[in-house]
Amino acid sequence: MSNTPKLTLGPLLFNWPVEQVTEFYGRIAKLAPVDTVCLGEVVCPKREPLLGGTLAEAAGTLADAGKEIVWSSYGLIADEKELAATRDLIESFDGLVEANDITALPLLQGRPHAIGPLVNVYNEGTLQWLVRRGAMRICLAPELPREAISRLAESAGGAELEVQVFGRMPLALSARCYHARAHGLHKDGCQYVCDKDPDGMPVDTLDGEHFLAVNGIQTLSHSIVDLSAEIDELLEMGITRFRLSPHKVDMVAIAHVWRDLLDGKRDLPRARRIIEAVAAFAPPSNGYFHGRPGAAVV
């Protein structure tokens, strides 16, 4: 396993129009210095038919550009139909599949695979159990503090550990669709209203303070995690993969900032200014890493 730090573009979590998805991944293929791109519907199985063909075409374009393709599975497998779709994905894709629900693990038994941030890996025992079952890459949950990340890195046993360093943090999934409920609709007749919020729908407290964001059945942080100031510490721990979560902003610029940081071009103030300017729709945060509330800036 190479210790050269690598950039991963995580799966698109939001419901974007087909033409925007095509344009987005076309730009990533041509211009973004990312090593790996995760594709696939993670949040809502109802969305998959909308983009299935588009993502398959994007996979070809990205592979031709030299990007490693990882296919991400559902984050919540709720019935036999979704389990069957997960089985079909695993059987039809020869590359690395990222499990985002532990229900997918028996289907991946005996073949190398990845673990996504929606699978809770909080201790060395869980990590080592996953590695023994074939996990070669594990993206840690965003709420872990530095001490936990460091301990897990010491126990990785040859597996690559990945940390999300940019984007709204995935916090939870529910059987209920918040977007449908907010628009007076039922989940089965949602009319795909989540397309109205390409970076998630803001949720405020009763006092009007920004609190969270929702994306269909998914709860996200309101803030955007930015661990650019923590990069040296993460590298010293042995973290070799750094995940950027897609948003409807200039992700090519974000990728270049992070590539420069990982390559040793440590103009941190400039990097943070670019990140905050490009992703100006929400404030940055790094609280979880420092053992503070997630929305805090330390």
C-alpha atoms as a PDB file:
ATOM      1  CA  MET A   1       0.000   0.000   0.000  1.00  0.00           C
ATOM      2  CA  SER A   2       1.363   3.388  -0.981  1.00  0.00           C
ATOM      3  CA  ASN A   3       1.685   6.049   1.705  1.00  0.00           C
ATOM      4  CA  THR A   4       1.291   8.826  -0.859  1.00  0.00           C
ATOM      5  CA  PRO A   5      -1.762  10.847   0.256  1.00  0.00           C
ATOM      6  CA  LYS A   6      -4.697  10.535  -2.105  1.00  0.00           C
ATOM      7  CA  LEU A   7      -7.849  12.543  -2.722  1.00  0.00           C
ATOM      8  CA  THR A   8     -11.255  10.924  -2.938  1.00  0.00           C
ATOM      9  CA  LEU A   9     -14.401  12.583  -4.259  1.00  0.00           C
ATOM     10  CA  GLY A  10     -17.249  11.043  -2.307  1.00  0.00           C
ATOM     11  CA  PRO A  11     -20.599  10.062  -3.817  1.00  0.00           C
ATOM     12  CA  LEU A  12     -23.052  12.769  -4.819  1.00  0.00           C
ATOM     13  CA  LEU A  13     -25.580  12.860  -1.987  1.00  0.00           C
ATOM     14  CA  PHE A  14     -28.064  15.274  -3.561  1.00  0.00           C
ATOM     15  CA  ASN A  15     -30.748  15.101  -6.244  1.00  0.00           C
ATOM     16  CA  TRP A  16     -29.334  17.088  -9.171  1.00  0.00           C
ATOM     17  CA  PRO A  17     -30.715  17.212 -12.722  1.00  0.00           C
ATOM     18  CA  VAL A  18     -29.181  14.802 -15.217  1.00  0.00           C
ATOM     19  CA  GLU A  19     -27.508  17.504 -17.303  1.00  0.00           C
ATOM     20  CA  GLN A  20     -25.853  19.014 -14.221  1.00  0.00           C
ATOM     21  CA  VAL A  21     -24.552  15.623 -13.121  1.00  0.00           C
ATOM     22  CA  THR A  22     -23.115  14.979 -16.579  1.00  0.00           C
ATOM     23  CA  GLU A  23     -21.421  18.380 -16.636  1.00  0.00           C
ATOM     24  CA  PHE A  24     -20.140  17.973 -13.087  1.00  0.00           C
ATOM     25  CA  TYR A  25     -18.397  14.652 -13.647  1.00  0.00           C
ATOM     26  CA  GLY A  26     -17.123  15.794 -17.038  1.00  0.00           C
ATOM     27  CA  ARG A  27     -15.309  18.672 -15.309  1.00  0.00           C
ATOM     28  CA  ILE A  28     -14.036  16.382 -12.573  1.00  0.00           C
ATOM     29  CA  ALA A  29     -12.632  13.991 -15.189  1.00  0.00           C
ATOM     30  CA  LYS A  30     -10.836  16.734 -17.111  1.00  0.00           C
ATOM     31  CA  LEU A  31      -9.777  19.178 -14.430  1.00  0.00           C
ATOM     32  CA  ALA A  32      -9.887  17.843 -10.869  1.00  0.00           C
ATOM     33  CA  PRO A  33      -6.719  16.296  -9.365  1.00  0.00           C
ATOM     34  CA  VAL A  34      -8.597  13.586  -7.476  1.00  0.00           C
ATOM     35  CA  ASP A  35      -7.412   9.995  -7.430  1.00  0.00           C
ATOM     36  CA  THR A  36     -10.701   8.247  -6.690  1.00  0.00           C
ATOM     37  CA  VAL A  37     -14.340   9.038  -7.435  1.00  0.00           C
ATOM     38  CA  CYS A  38     -17.187   7.324  -5.604  1.00  0.00           C
ATOM     39  CA  LEU A  39     -20.350   6.954  -7.661  1.00  0.00           C
ATOM     40  CA  GLY A  40     -23.803   5.614  -6.858  1.00  0.00           C
ATOM     41  CA  GLU A  41     -26.983   6.505  -5.026  1.00  0.00           C
ATOM     42  CA  VAL A  42     -26.393   6.396  -1.285  1.00  0.00           C
ATOM     43  CA  VAL A  43     -29.349   8.296   0.167  1.00  0.00           C
ATOM     44  CA  CYS A  44     -32.611   7.320  -1.573  1.00  0.00           C
ATOM     45  CA  PRO A  45     -33.220   4.234  -3.741  1.00  0.00           C
ATOM     46  CA  LYS A  46     -36.130   6.052  -5.408  1.00  0.00           C
ATOM     47  CA  ARG A  47     -33.627   8.417  -7.045  1.00  0.00           C
ATOM     48  CA  GLU A  48     -31.488   5.691  -8.585  1.00  0.00           C
ATOM     49  CA  PRO A  49     -33.536   5.252 -11.805  1.00  0.00           C
ATOM     50  CA  LEU A  50     -33.172   9.003 -12.446  1.00  0.00           C
ATOM     51  CA  LEU A  51     -29.380   8.856 -12.676  1.00  0.00           C
ATOM     52  CA  GLY A  52     -28.398   5.212 -13.149  1.00  0.00           C
ATOM     53  CA  GLY A  53     -27.485   5.557 -16.830  1.00  0.00           C
ATOM     54  CA  THR A  54     -25.886   8.946 -16.310  1.00  0.00           C
ATOM     55  CA  LEU A  55     -23.605   7.653 -13.565  1.00  0.00           C
ATOM     56  CA  ALA A  56     -22.638   4.637 -15.665  1.00  0.00           C
ATOM     57  CA  GLU A  57     -21.556   6.989 -18.466  1.00  0.00           C
ATOM     58  CA  ALA A  58     -19.716   9.157 -15.953  1.00  0.00           C
ATOM     59  CA  ALA A  59     -17.857   6.089 -14.702  1.00  0.00           C
ATOM     60  CA  GLY A  60     -16.502   5.484 -18.198  1.00  0.00           C
ATOM     61  CA  THR A  61     -15.471   9.112 -18.628  1.00  0.00           C
ATOM     62  CA  LEU A  62     -13.751   9.193 -15.258  1.00  0.00           C
ATOM     63  CA  ALA A  63     -11.986   5.868 -15.789  1.00  0.00           C
ATOM     64  CA  ASP A  64     -10.696   7.070 -19.155  1.00  0.00           C
ATOM     65  CA  ALA A  65      -9.242  10.071 -17.322  1.00  0.00           C
ATOM     66  CA  GLY A  66      -7.321   7.767 -14.990  1.00  0.00           C
ATOM     67  CA  LYS A  67      -9.596   8.024 -11.951  1.00  0.00           C
ATOM     68  CA  GLU A  68     -10.220   4.990  -9.767  1.00  0.00           C
ATOM     69  CA  ILE A  69     -13.968   4.249  -9.596  1.00  0.00           C
ATOM     70  CA  VAL A  70     -15.582   3.056  -6.378  1.00  0.00           C
ATOM     71  CA  TRP A  71     -19.278   2.226  -6.402  1.00  0.00           C
ATOM     72  CA  SER A  72     -21.109   3.241  -3.224  1.00  0.00           C
ATOM     73  CA  SER A  73     -24.069   1.256  -1.935  1.00  0.00           C
ATOM     74  CA  TYR A  74     -27.242   2.451  -0.215  1.00  0.00           C
ATOM     75  CA  GLY A  75     -26.830   3.946   3.232  1.00  0.00           C
ATOM     76  CA  LEU A  76     -30.098   2.400   4.447  1.00  0.00           C
ATOM     77  CA  ILE A  77     -31.220  -0.963   3.090  1.00  0.00           C
ATOM     78  CA  ALA A  78     -34.815  -1.174   4.246  1.00  0.00           C
ATOM     79  CA  ASP A  79     -36.462  -4.027   2.311  1.00  0.00           C
ATOM     80  CA  GLU A  80     -35.861  -7.030   0.073  1.00  0.00           C
ATOM     81  CA  LYS A  81     -36.006  -4.952  -3.099  1.00  0.00           C
ATOM     82  CA  GLU A  82     -33.175  -2.716  -1.894  1.00  0.00           C
ATOM     83  CA  LEU A  83     -31.195  -5.740  -0.728  1.00  0.00           C
ATOM     84  CA  ALA A  84     -31.615  -7.321  -4.174  1.00  0.00           C
ATOM     85  CA  ALA A  85     -30.453  -4.098  -5.841  1.00  0.00           C
ATOM     86  CA  THR A  86     -27.379  -4.085  -3.599  1.00  0.00           C
ATOM     87  CA  ARG A  87     -26.673  -7.708  -4.527  1.00  0.00           C
ATOM     88  CA  ASP A  88     -26.974  -6.843  -8.224  1.00  0.00           C
ATOM     89  CA  LEU A  89     -24.534  -3.955  -7.789  1.00  0.00           C
ATOM     90  CA  ILE A  90     -21.952  -6.123  -6.061  1.00  0.00           C
ATOM     91  CA  GLU A  91     -22.262  -8.944  -8.586  1.00  0.00           C
ATOM     92  CA  SER A  92     -22.105  -6.667 -11.639  1.00  0.00           C
ATOM     93  CA  PHE A  93     -19.195  -4.408 -10.625  1.00  0.00           C
ATOM     94  CA  ASP A  94     -15.690  -5.861 -10.647  1.00  0.00           C
ATOM     95  CA  GLY A  95     -14.088  -2.917  -8.856  1.00  0.00           C
ATOM     96  CA  LEU A  96     -14.208  -1.736  -5.277  1.00  0.00           C
ATOM     97  CA  VAL A  97     -17.682  -1.444  -3.727  1.00  0.00           C
ATOM     98  CA  GLU A  98     -18.170   0.841  -0.729  1.00  0.00           C
ATOM     99  CA  ALA A  99     -20.605  -0.521   1.852  1.00  0.00           C
ATOM    100  CA  ASN A 100     -22.620   2.178   3.599  1.00  0.00           C
ATOM    101  CA  ASP A 101     -24.971  -0.210   5.415  1.00  0.00           C
ATOM    102  CA  ILE A 102     -23.727  -3.214   7.347  1.00  0.00           C
ATOM    103  CA  THR A 103     -26.424  -5.284   5.618  1.00  0.00           C
ATOM    104  CA  ALA A 104     -24.196  -5.267   2.534  1.00  0.00           C
ATOM    105  CA  LEU A 105     -21.266  -6.937   4.303  1.00  0.00           C
ATOM    106  CA  PRO A 106     -22.371 -10.583   3.872  1.00  0.00           C
ATOM    107  CA  LEU A 107     -22.708  -9.920   0.148  1.00  0.00           C
ATOM    108  CA  LEU A 108     -19.112  -8.653   0.051  1.00  0.00           C
ATOM    109  CA  GLN A 109     -17.658 -11.549   2.030  1.00  0.00           C
ATOM    110  CA  GLY A 110     -14.530 -12.897   0.396  1.00  0.00           C
ATOM    111  CA  ARG A 111     -13.745  -9.938  -1.856  1.00  0.00           C
ATOM    112  CA  PRO A 112     -11.886  -6.684  -1.181  1.00  0.00           C
ATOM    113  CA  HIS A 113     -14.205  -3.793  -0.455  1.00  0.00           C
ATOM    114  CA  ALA A 114     -14.453  -0.356   1.141  1.00  0.00           C
ATOM    115  CA  ILE A 115     -16.448   0.880   4.120  1.00  0.00           C
ATOM    116  CA  GLY A 116     -18.213   4.232   3.922  1.00  0.00           C
ATOM    117  CA  PRO A 117     -18.656   6.850   6.651  1.00  0.00           C
ATOM    118  CA  LEU A 118     -22.244   5.790   7.371  1.00  0.00           C
ATOM    119  CA  VAL A 119     -20.987   2.557   8.952  1.00  0.00           C
ATOM    120  CA  ASN A 120     -19.975   3.369  12.508  1.00  0.00           C
ATOM    121  CA  VAL A 121     -16.361   2.377  13.172  1.00  0.00           C
ATOM    122  CA  TYR A 122     -15.662   3.735  16.629  1.00  0.00           C
ATOM    123  CA  ASN A 123     -13.132   1.305  18.100  1.00  0.00           C
ATOM    124  CA  GLU A 124     -10.223  -0.958  17.259  1.00  0.00           C
ATOM    125  CA  GLY A 125     -12.259  -4.162  17.601  1.00  0.00           C
ATOM    126  CA  THR A 126     -14.774  -3.099  14.980  1.00  0.00           C
ATOM    127  CA  LEU A 127     -12.023  -1.901  12.671  1.00  0.00           C
ATOM    128  CA  GLN A 128     -10.050  -5.123  12.907  1.00  0.00           C
ATOM    129  CA  TRP A 129     -13.196  -7.236  12.421  1.00  0.00           C
ATOM    130  CA  LEU A 130     -13.978  -5.351   9.217  1.00  0.00           C
ATOM    131  CA  VAL A 131     -10.402  -5.687   7.971  1.00  0.00           C
ATOM    132  CA  ARG A 132     -10.454  -9.454   8.594  1.00  0.00           C
ATOM    133  CA  ARG A 133     -13.605  -9.674   6.474  1.00  0.00           C
ATOM    134  CA  GLY A 134     -11.935  -7.972   3.520  1.00  0.00           C
ATOM    135  CA  ALA A 135     -12.240  -4.218   4.102  1.00  0.00           C
ATOM    136  CA  MET A 136      -9.187  -2.608   2.539  1.00  0.00           C
ATOM    137  CA  ARG A 137     -10.326   1.001   2.843  1.00  0.00           C
ATOM    138  CA  ILE A 138     -12.434   2.583   5.572  1.00  0.00           C
ATOM    139  CA  CYS A 139     -13.785   6.133   5.607  1.00  0.00           C
ATOM    140  CA  LEU A 140     -14.290   7.092   9.231  1.00  0.00           C
ATOM    141  CA  ALA A 141     -17.415   8.755  10.587  1.00  0.00           C
ATOM    142  CA  PRO A 142     -17.062  12.558  10.751  1.00  0.00           C
ATOM    143  CA  GLU A 143     -17.819  12.854  14.465  1.00  0.00           C
ATOM    144  CA  LEU A 144     -14.639  11.105  15.620  1.00  0.00           C
ATOM    145  CA  PRO A 145     -12.152  13.230  17.614  1.00  0.00           C
ATOM    146  CA  ARG A 146      -8.431  13.234  16.921  1.00  0.00           C
ATOM    147  CA  GLU A 147      -7.679  10.770  19.714  1.00  0.00           C
ATOM    148  CA  ALA A 148     -10.021   8.150  18.256  1.00  0.00           C
ATOM    149  CA  ILE A 149      -8.693   8.679  14.736  1.00  0.00           C
ATOM    150  CA  SER A 150      -5.138   8.238  15.970  1.00  0.00           C
ATOM    151  CA  ARG A 151      -5.952   5.020  17.831  1.00  0.00           C
ATOM    152  CA  LEU A 152      -7.754   3.595  14.825  1.00  0.00           C
ATOM    153  CA  ALA A 153      -4.860   4.501  12.545  1.00  0.00           C
ATOM    154  CA  GLU A 154      -2.534   2.524  14.820  1.00  0.00           C
ATOM    155  CA  SER A 155      -4.814  -0.518  14.519  1.00  0.00           C
ATOM    156  CA  ALA A 156      -5.599  -0.358  10.797  1.00  0.00           C
ATOM    157  CA  GLY A 157      -3.575  -3.477  10.032  1.00  0.00           C
ATOM    158  CA  GLY A 158      -2.674  -2.452   6.507  1.00  0.00           C
ATOM    159  CA  ALA A 159      -6.081  -1.045   5.561  1.00  0.00           C
ATOM    160  CA  GLU A 160      -6.262   2.528   4.264  1.00  0.00           C
ATOM    161  CA  LEU A 161      -8.094   4.977   6.509  1.00  0.00           C
ATOM    162  CA  GLU A 162      -9.927   7.925   4.978  1.00  0.00           C
ATOM    163  CA  VAL A 163     -11.253  11.088   6.628  1.00  0.00           C
ATOM    164  CA  GLN A 164     -13.767  13.540   5.191  1.00  0.00           C
ATOM    165  CA  VAL A 165     -12.066  16.925   5.091  1.00  0.00           C
ATOM    166  CA  PHE A 166     -14.590  18.990   3.117  1.00  0.00           C
ATOM    167  CA  GLY A 167     -18.368  19.181   2.828  1.00  0.00           C
ATOM    168  CA  ARG A 168     -21.470  18.899   4.925  1.00  0.00           C
ATOM    169  CA  MET A 169     -21.092  15.965   7.275  1.00  0.00           C
ATOM    170  CA  PRO A 170     -23.446  12.969   6.937  1.00  0.00           C
ATOM    171  CA  LEU A 171     -24.960  12.437  10.376  1.00  0.00           C
ATOM    172  CA  ALA A 172     -27.979  10.128  10.125  1.00  0.00           C
ATOM    173  CA  LEU A 173     -30.565   8.429   7.912  1.00  0.00           C
ATOM    174  CA  SER A 174     -34.223   7.833   8.681  1.00  0.00           C
ATOM    175  CA  ALA A 175     -37.057   5.803   7.190  1.00  0.00           C
ATOM    176  CA  ARG A 176     -38.996   9.110   6.982  1.00  0.00           C
ATOM    177  CA  CYS A 177     -38.436  11.590   4.178  1.00  0.00           C
ATOM    178  CA  TYR A 178     -37.983  15.028   5.707  1.00  0.00           C
ATOM    179  CA  HIS A 179     -38.170  16.773   2.359  1.00  0.00           C
ATOM    180  CA  ALA A 180     -41.522  15.240   1.504  1.00  0.00           C
ATOM    181  CA  ARG A 181     -42.913  16.014   4.950  1.00  0.00           C
ATOM    182  CA  ALA A 182     -41.738  19.641   4.777  1.00  0.00           C
ATOM    183  CA  HIS A 183     -43.664  20.079   1.521  1.00  0.00           C
ATOM    184  CA  GLY A 184     -46.835  18.379   2.774  1.00  0.00           C
ATOM    185  CA  LEU A 185     -46.186  15.202   0.775  1.00  0.00           C
ATOM    186  CA  HIS A 186     -45.889  11.530   1.604  1.00  0.00           C
ATOM    187  CA  LYS A 187     -42.660   9.625   1.030  1.00  0.00           C
ATOM    188  CA  ASP A 188     -44.242   7.403  -1.629  1.00  0.00           C
ATOM    189  CA  GLY A 189     -45.510  10.469  -3.502  1.00  0.00           C
ATOM    190  CA  CYS A 190     -42.619  12.810  -2.802  1.00  0.00           C
ATOM    191  CA  GLN A 191     -42.456  14.211  -6.359  1.00  0.00           C
ATOM    192  CA  TYR A 192     -38.674  14.258  -5.817  1.00  0.00           C
ATOM    193  CA  VAL A 193     -38.917  17.630  -4.056  1.00  0.00           C
ATOM    194  CA  CYS A 194     -35.380  17.184  -2.730  1.00  0.00           C
ATOM    195  CA  ASP A 195     -34.267  18.578  -6.101  1.00  0.00           C
ATOM    196  CA  LYS A 196     -35.234  22.018  -4.813  1.00  0.00           C
ATOM    197  CA  ASP A 197     -32.236  22.030  -2.469  1.00  0.00           C
ATOM    198  CA  PRO A 198     -29.065  21.027  -4.363  1.00  0.00           C
ATOM    199  CA  ASP A 199     -26.915  21.301  -1.217  1.00  0.00           C
ATOM    200  CA  GLY A 200     -29.563  20.263   1.307  1.00  0.00           C
ATOM    201  CA  MET A 201     -32.504  22.074   2.909  1.00  0.00           C
ATOM    202  CA  PRO A 202     -31.555  24.334   5.848  1.00  0.00           C
ATOM    203  CA  VAL A 203     -33.114  23.533   9.215  1.00  0.00           C
ATOM    204  CA  ASP A 204     -33.202  26.269  11.851  1.00  0.00           C
ATOM    205  CA  THR A 205     -34.014  26.173  15.546  1.00  0.00           C
ATOM    206  CA  LEU A 206     -37.132  27.858  16.927  1.00  0.00           C
ATOM    207  CA  ASP A 207     -34.873  30.810  17.715  1.00  0.00           C
ATOM    208  CA  GLY A 208     -33.898  31.112  14.067  1.00  0.00           C
ATOM    209  CA  GLU A 209     -30.363  29.773  14.451  1.00  0.00           C
ATOM    210  CA  HIS A 210     -28.898  27.599  11.712  1.00  0.00           C
ATOM    211  CA  PHE A 211     -28.811  24.025  12.981  1.00  0.00           C
ATOM    212  CA  LEU A 212     -28.779  21.211  10.398  1.00  0.00           C
ATOM    213  CA  ALA A 213     -29.523  20.458   6.763  1.00  0.00           C
ATOM    214  CA  VAL A 214     -31.737  17.682   5.418  1.00  0.00           C
ATOM    215  CA  ASN A 215     -31.517  15.825   2.143  1.00  0.00           C
ATOM    216  CA  GLY A 216     -34.491  13.535   1.638  1.00  0.00           C
ATOM    217  CA  ILE A 217     -34.166  10.946   4.405  1.00  0.00           C
ATOM    218  CA  GLN A 218     -30.701  12.190   5.367  1.00  0.00           C
ATOM    219  CA  THR A 219     -29.607  14.550   8.129  1.00  0.00           C
ATOM    220  CA  LEU A 220     -26.461  16.571   7.439  1.00  0.00           C
ATOM    221  CA  SER A 221     -24.547  19.202   9.344  1.00  0.00           C
ATOM    222  CA  HIS A 222     -25.379  22.810   8.534  1.00  0.00           C
ATOM    223  CA  SER A 223     -21.700  23.692   8.573  1.00  0.00           C
ATOM    224  CA  ILE A 224     -19.075  22.495   6.133  1.00  0.00           C
ATOM    225  CA  VAL A 225     -16.247  20.541   7.670  1.00  0.00           C
ATOM    226  CA  ASP A 226     -12.873  22.021   6.746  1.00  0.00           C
ATOM    227  CA  LEU A 227      -9.864  20.156   8.123  1.00  0.00           C
ATOM    228  CA  SER A 228      -7.251  22.008   6.090  1.00  0.00           C
ATOM    229  CA  ALA A 229      -5.592  23.288   9.274  1.00  0.00           C
ATOM    230  CA  GLU A 230      -5.413  19.734  10.609  1.00  0.00           C
ATOM    231  CA  ILE A 231      -3.757  18.198   7.554  1.00  0.00           C
ATOM    232  CA  ASP A 232      -0.280  17.782   9.046  1.00  0.00           C
ATOM    233  CA  GLU A 233      -1.677  16.099  12.131  1.00  0.00           C
ATOM    234  CA  LEU A 234      -3.766  13.714  10.016  1.00  0.00           C
ATOM    235  CA  LEU A 235      -0.748  12.837   7.894  1.00  0.00           C
ATOM    236  CA  GLU A 236       1.349  12.205  10.992  1.00  0.00           C
ATOM    237  CA  MET A 237      -1.331   9.819  12.269  1.00  0.00           C
ATOM    238  CA  GLY A 238      -1.010   7.800   9.090  1.00  0.00           C
ATOM    239  CA  ILE A 239      -4.179   8.899   7.312  1.00  0.00           C
ATOM    240  CA  THR A 240      -3.499   8.523   3.597  1.00  0.00           C
ATOM    241  CA  ARG A 241      -6.897   9.292   2.036  1.00  0.00           C
ATOM    242  CA  PHE A 242      -8.825  12.540   2.223  1.00  0.00           C
ATOM    243  CA  ARG A 243     -12.470  12.774   1.146  1.00  0.00           C
ATOM    244  CA  LEU A 244     -14.191  15.737  -0.458  1.00  0.00           C
ATOM    245  CA  SER A 245     -17.991  15.551  -0.435  1.00  0.00           C
ATOM    246  CA  PRO A 246     -19.566  17.060  -3.592  1.00  0.00           C
ATOM    247  CA  HIS A 247     -21.552  20.282  -3.446  1.00  0.00           C
ATOM    248  CA  LYS A 248     -22.911  22.581  -6.097  1.00  0.00           C
ATOM    249  CA  VAL A 249     -19.824  24.769  -5.952  1.00  0.00           C
ATOM    250  CA  ASP A 250     -16.544  24.772  -7.858  1.00  0.00           C
ATOM    251  CA  MET A 251     -15.321  21.372  -6.708  1.00  0.00           C
ATOM    252  CA  VAL A 252     -12.417  21.587  -9.150  1.00  0.00           C
ATOM    253  CA  ALA A 253     -11.089  24.584  -7.214  1.00  0.00           C
ATOM    254  CA  ILE A 254     -11.617  22.751  -3.926  1.00  0.00           C
ATOM    255  CA  ALA A 255      -9.756  19.709  -5.261  1.00  0.00           C
ATOM    256  CA  HIS A 256      -6.821  21.847  -6.399  1.00  0.00           C
ATOM    257  CA  VAL A 257      -6.580  23.493  -2.971  1.00  0.00           C
ATOM    258  CA  TRP A 258      -6.424  20.119  -1.273  1.00  0.00           C
ATOM    259  CA  ARG A 259      -4.023  18.674  -3.819  1.00  0.00           C
ATOM    260  CA  ASP A 260      -1.655  21.572  -3.178  1.00  0.00           C
ATOM    261  CA  LEU A 261      -1.903  21.063   0.587  1.00  0.00           C
ATOM    262  CA  LEU A 262      -1.216  17.347   0.302  1.00  0.00           C
ATOM    263  CA  ASP A 263       1.710  17.999  -2.031  1.00  0.00           C
ATOM    264  CA  GLY A 264       3.379  20.190   0.572  1.00  0.00           C
ATOM    265  CA  LYS A 265       2.395  23.605  -0.745  1.00  0.00           C
ATOM    266  CA  ARG A 266       1.373  24.793   2.703  1.00  0.00           C
ATOM    267  CA  ASP A 267      -0.098  28.251   2.123  1.00  0.00           C
ATOM    268  CA  LEU A 268      -2.797  27.518   4.667  1.00  0.00           C
ATOM    269  CA  PRO A 269      -4.305  31.036   4.984  1.00  0.00           C
ATOM    270  CA  ARG A 270      -4.783  31.209   1.201  1.00  0.00           C
ATOM    271  CA  ALA A 271      -6.247  27.702   1.130  1.00  0.00           C
ATOM    272  CA  ARG A 272      -8.780  28.532   3.815  1.00  0.00           C
ATOM    273  CA  ARG A 273      -9.762  31.766   2.101  1.00  0.00           C
ATOM    274  CA  ILE A 274     -10.436  29.894  -1.139  1.00  0.00           C
ATOM    275  CA  ILE A 275     -12.441  27.177   0.608  1.00  0.00           C
ATOM    276  CA  GLU A 276     -14.593  29.691   2.479  1.00  0.00           C
ATOM    277  CA  ALA A 277     -15.133  31.799  -0.651  1.00  0.00           C
ATOM    278  CA  VAL A 278     -16.048  28.850  -2.877  1.00  0.00           C
ATOM    279  CA  ALA A 279     -18.340  27.232  -0.292  1.00  0.00           C
ATOM    280  CA  ALA A 280     -19.865  30.433   1.032  1.00  0.00           C
ATOM    281  CA  PHE A 281     -23.371  28.972   1.441  1.00  0.00           C
ATOM    282  CA  ALA A 282     -22.490  27.647   4.923  1.00  0.00           C
ATOM    283  CA  PRO A 283     -19.823  28.329   7.574  1.00  0.00           C
ATOM    284  CA  PRO A 284     -16.784  26.092   8.090  1.00  0.00           C
ATOM    285  CA  SER A 285     -16.307  23.885  11.132  1.00  0.00           C
ATOM    286  CA  ASN A 286     -13.767  21.515  12.660  1.00  0.00           C
ATOM    287  CA  GLY A 287     -15.200  20.992  16.131  1.00  0.00           C
ATOM    288  CA  TYR A 288     -15.563  17.208  16.109  1.00  0.00           C
ATOM    289  CA  PHE A 289     -11.872  16.698  15.380  1.00  0.00           C
ATOM    290  CA  HIS A 290     -10.991  18.732  18.485  1.00  0.00           C
ATOM    291  CA  GLY A 291     -13.532  17.022  20.757  1.00  0.00           C
ATOM    292  CA  ARG A 292     -15.875  19.990  20.622  1.00  0.00           C
ATOM    293  CA  PRO A 293     -19.427  20.380  19.228  1.00  0.00           C
ATOM    294  CA  GLY A 294     -19.293  19.631  15.518  1.00  0.00           C
ATOM    295  CA  ALA A 295     -20.281  23.145  14.411  1.00  0.00           C
ATOM    296  CA  ALA A 296     -17.466  24.770  16.379  1.00  0.00           C
ATOM    297  CA  VAL A 297     -14.417  26.358  14.798  1.00  0.00           C
ATOM    298  CA  VAL A 298     -11.214  25.745  16.753  1.00  0.00           C
END
